[in-house]
């Protein structure tokens, strides 16, 4: 199975589902030169947000710590520790900031079907 993000060009395959480890992120390069951070939680739900930390400008969110606050999954930036909701992208520590979220889906690859 593959993980796909919806970008302006359509659905983009970014990695194999088996490449993801619950609680850890993976950075992926997008066609526009930007990066997304892709995560999977322990229940198997996948999330994708912009990898760029808006507070520092560094592409590091994929290396952040994943947690849950009030039932909402988040990633904490490894630099200044601000938490970003993995569903909405909003910063839980500063309402003025947010990161982009990407629709994400898993798809069966043709090799897996054969």
C-alpha atoms as a PDB file:
ATOM      1  CA  UNK A   1       0.000   0.000   0.000  1.00  0.00           C
ATOM      2  CA  UNK A   2       1.143   3.504  -0.761  1.00  0.00           C
ATOM      3  CA  UNK A   3       0.511   6.840   0.926  1.00  0.00           C
ATOM      4  CA  UNK A   4      -0.742   9.620  -1.343  1.00  0.00           C
ATOM      5  CA  UNK A   5      -1.141  13.354  -0.730  1.00  0.00           C
ATOM      6  CA  UNK A   6      -3.481  15.610  -2.643  1.00  0.00           C
ATOM      7  CA  UNK A   7      -1.492  18.520  -4.079  1.00  0.00           C
ATOM      8  CA  UNK A   8      -2.380  21.020  -6.816  1.00  0.00           C
ATOM      9  CA  UNK A   9      -1.375  18.495  -9.503  1.00  0.00           C
ATOM     10  CA  UNK A  10      -3.658  15.794  -8.040  1.00  0.00           C
ATOM     11  CA  UNK A  11      -2.845  12.718  -5.935  1.00  0.00           C
ATOM     12  CA  UNK A  12       0.892  12.246  -5.433  1.00  0.00           C
ATOM     13  CA  UNK A  13       2.385   8.979  -4.177  1.00  0.00           C
ATOM     14  CA  UNK A  14       4.918   9.894  -1.488  1.00  0.00           C
ATOM     15  CA  UNK A  15       5.919   6.647   0.231  1.00  0.00           C
ATOM     16  CA  UNK A  16       4.964   3.121   1.097  1.00  0.00           C
ATOM     17  CA  UNK A  17       2.687   2.739   4.110  1.00  0.00           C
ATOM     18  CA  UNK A  18       5.299   0.380   5.567  1.00  0.00           C
ATOM     19  CA  UNK A  19       7.810   3.284   5.548  1.00  0.00           C
ATOM     20  CA  UNK A  20       5.827   4.972   8.341  1.00  0.00           C
ATOM     21  CA  UNK A  21       6.296   4.211  12.029  1.00  0.00           C
ATOM     22  CA  UNK A  22       3.576   5.195  14.516  1.00  0.00           C
ATOM     23  CA  UNK A  23       4.581   8.306  16.422  1.00  0.00           C
ATOM     24  CA  UNK A  24       7.329   9.319  13.976  1.00  0.00           C
ATOM     25  CA  UNK A  25       7.262  11.485  10.882  1.00  0.00           C
ATOM     26  CA  UNK A  26       8.718  11.248   7.399  1.00  0.00           C
ATOM     27  CA  UNK A  27       9.611  14.280   5.272  1.00  0.00           C
ATOM     28  CA  UNK A  28       8.627  14.138   1.604  1.00  0.00           C
ATOM     29  CA  UNK A  29       9.558  16.424  -1.273  1.00  0.00           C
ATOM     30  CA  UNK A  30       6.643  17.945  -3.177  1.00  0.00           C
ATOM     31  CA  UNK A  31       6.531  18.887  -6.883  1.00  0.00           C
ATOM     32  CA  UNK A  32       6.654  22.618  -6.034  1.00  0.00           C
ATOM     33  CA  UNK A  33       9.920  22.136  -4.097  1.00  0.00           C
ATOM     34  CA  UNK A  34       8.237  22.351  -0.698  1.00  0.00           C
ATOM     35  CA  UNK A  35       8.109  19.581   1.873  1.00  0.00           C
ATOM     36  CA  UNK A  36       5.359  17.799   3.743  1.00  0.00           C
ATOM     37  CA  UNK A  37       5.615  15.870   6.991  1.00  0.00           C
ATOM     38  CA  UNK A  38       3.684  12.590   6.932  1.00  0.00           C
ATOM     39  CA  UNK A  39       2.656  10.737  10.090  1.00  0.00           C
ATOM     40  CA  UNK A  40       0.747   7.610  11.069  1.00  0.00           C
ATOM     41  CA  UNK A  41      -0.800   7.105  14.477  1.00  0.00           C
ATOM     42  CA  UNK A  42      -1.106   3.876  16.418  1.00  0.00           C
ATOM     43  CA  UNK A  43      -4.605   3.248  15.049  1.00  0.00           C
ATOM     44  CA  UNK A  44      -3.282   3.484  11.456  1.00  0.00           C
ATOM     45  CA  UNK A  45      -4.669   6.919  10.580  1.00  0.00           C
ATOM     46  CA  UNK A  46      -2.357   8.991   8.384  1.00  0.00           C
ATOM     47  CA  UNK A  47      -1.812  12.764   8.479  1.00  0.00           C
ATOM     48  CA  UNK A  48       0.167  15.231   6.390  1.00  0.00           C
ATOM     49  CA  UNK A  49       1.141  18.804   7.203  1.00  0.00           C
ATOM     50  CA  UNK A  50       3.676  21.300   5.908  1.00  0.00           C
ATOM     51  CA  UNK A  51       7.137  20.358   7.164  1.00  0.00           C
ATOM     52  CA  UNK A  52       8.192  23.994   7.663  1.00  0.00           C
ATOM     53  CA  UNK A  53       8.025  25.322  11.223  1.00  0.00           C
ATOM     54  CA  UNK A  54       6.475  28.816  10.873  1.00  0.00           C
ATOM     55  CA  UNK A  55       8.306  30.065  13.972  1.00  0.00           C
ATOM     56  CA  UNK A  56      11.824  29.286  12.741  1.00  0.00           C
ATOM     57  CA  UNK A  57      11.458  28.686   9.005  1.00  0.00           C
ATOM     58  CA  UNK A  58      13.248  25.339   9.352  1.00  0.00           C
ATOM     59  CA  UNK A  59      11.852  22.220   7.667  1.00  0.00           C
ATOM     60  CA  UNK A  60      11.788  20.092  10.827  1.00  0.00           C
ATOM     61  CA  UNK A  61       8.219  19.209  11.809  1.00  0.00           C
ATOM     62  CA  UNK A  62       8.652  15.646  10.511  1.00  0.00           C
ATOM     63  CA  UNK A  63      11.205  15.182  13.314  1.00  0.00           C
ATOM     64  CA  UNK A  64       8.873  16.413  16.032  1.00  0.00           C
ATOM     65  CA  UNK A  65       7.317  14.544  18.914  1.00  0.00           C
ATOM     66  CA  UNK A  66       3.799  13.219  18.292  1.00  0.00           C
ATOM     67  CA  UNK A  67       1.223  13.363  21.072  1.00  0.00           C
ATOM     68  CA  UNK A  68      -2.433  13.947  21.847  1.00  0.00           C
ATOM     69  CA  UNK A  69      -4.101  16.902  23.611  1.00  0.00           C
ATOM     70  CA  UNK A  70      -7.824  16.903  24.399  1.00  0.00           C
ATOM     71  CA  UNK A  71      -8.297  14.040  21.963  1.00  0.00           C
ATOM     72  CA  UNK A  72      -6.518  15.840  19.108  1.00  0.00           C
ATOM     73  CA  UNK A  73      -3.311  14.435  17.591  1.00  0.00           C
ATOM     74  CA  UNK A  74      -0.435  16.913  17.342  1.00  0.00           C
ATOM     75  CA  UNK A  75       3.242  17.172  16.552  1.00  0.00           C
ATOM     76  CA  UNK A  76       5.539  19.344  18.666  1.00  0.00           C
ATOM     77  CA  UNK A  77       8.282  21.134  16.789  1.00  0.00           C
ATOM     78  CA  UNK A  78      11.708  19.804  17.776  1.00  0.00           C
ATOM     79  CA  UNK A  79      13.065  23.363  17.938  1.00  0.00           C
ATOM     80  CA  UNK A  80      10.790  25.596  20.015  1.00  0.00           C
ATOM     81  CA  UNK A  81       8.235  22.910  21.004  1.00  0.00           C
ATOM     82  CA  UNK A  82       5.090  24.602  19.628  1.00  0.00           C
ATOM     83  CA  UNK A  83       2.392  21.991  19.004  1.00  0.00           C
ATOM     84  CA  UNK A  84       0.553  21.732  15.675  1.00  0.00           C
ATOM     85  CA  UNK A  85      -2.766  19.927  15.334  1.00  0.00           C
ATOM     86  CA  UNK A  86      -2.314  17.175  12.726  1.00  0.00           C
ATOM     87  CA  UNK A  87      -5.943  17.488  11.555  1.00  0.00           C
ATOM     88  CA  UNK A  88      -6.398  21.258  11.272  1.00  0.00           C
ATOM     89  CA  UNK A  89      -2.773  22.485  11.177  1.00  0.00           C
ATOM     90  CA  UNK A  90      -3.448  25.162  13.794  1.00  0.00           C
ATOM     91  CA  UNK A  91      -0.861  25.872  16.430  1.00  0.00           C
ATOM     92  CA  UNK A  92      -2.148  24.853  19.864  1.00  0.00           C
ATOM     93  CA  UNK A  93       0.204  27.305  21.576  1.00  0.00           C
ATOM     94  CA  UNK A  94      -0.292  30.411  19.405  1.00  0.00           C
ATOM     95  CA  UNK A  95      -3.637  30.843  17.645  1.00  0.00           C
ATOM     96  CA  UNK A  96      -2.091  33.285  15.167  1.00  0.00           C
ATOM     97  CA  UNK A  97      -0.033  30.499  13.546  1.00  0.00           C
ATOM     98  CA  UNK A  98      -0.911  27.402  11.537  1.00  0.00           C
ATOM     99  CA  UNK A  99       0.626  25.075   8.986  1.00  0.00           C
ATOM    100  CA  UNK A 100      -0.946  23.747   5.824  1.00  0.00           C
ATOM    101  CA  UNK A 101      -2.570  20.334   5.963  1.00  0.00           C
ATOM    102  CA  UNK A 102      -2.836  17.940   3.034  1.00  0.00           C
ATOM    103  CA  UNK A 103      -5.582  15.438   2.295  1.00  0.00           C
ATOM    104  CA  UNK A 104      -3.977  12.018   2.599  1.00  0.00           C
ATOM    105  CA  UNK A 105      -5.078   8.534   1.584  1.00  0.00           C
ATOM    106  CA  UNK A 106      -3.675   5.059   1.297  1.00  0.00           C
ATOM    107  CA  UNK A 107      -3.948   3.161  -1.965  1.00  0.00           C
ATOM    108  CA  UNK A 108      -3.281  -0.382  -3.043  1.00  0.00           C
ATOM    109  CA  UNK A 109      -0.375  -0.527  -5.475  1.00  0.00           C
ATOM    110  CA  UNK A 110      -0.702  -2.531  -8.666  1.00  0.00           C
ATOM    111  CA  UNK A 111       2.180  -4.762  -7.534  1.00  0.00           C
ATOM    112  CA  UNK A 112       0.244  -5.618  -4.361  1.00  0.00           C
ATOM    113  CA  UNK A 113      -2.826  -6.593  -6.403  1.00  0.00           C
ATOM    114  CA  UNK A 114      -1.003  -9.063  -8.657  1.00  0.00           C
END
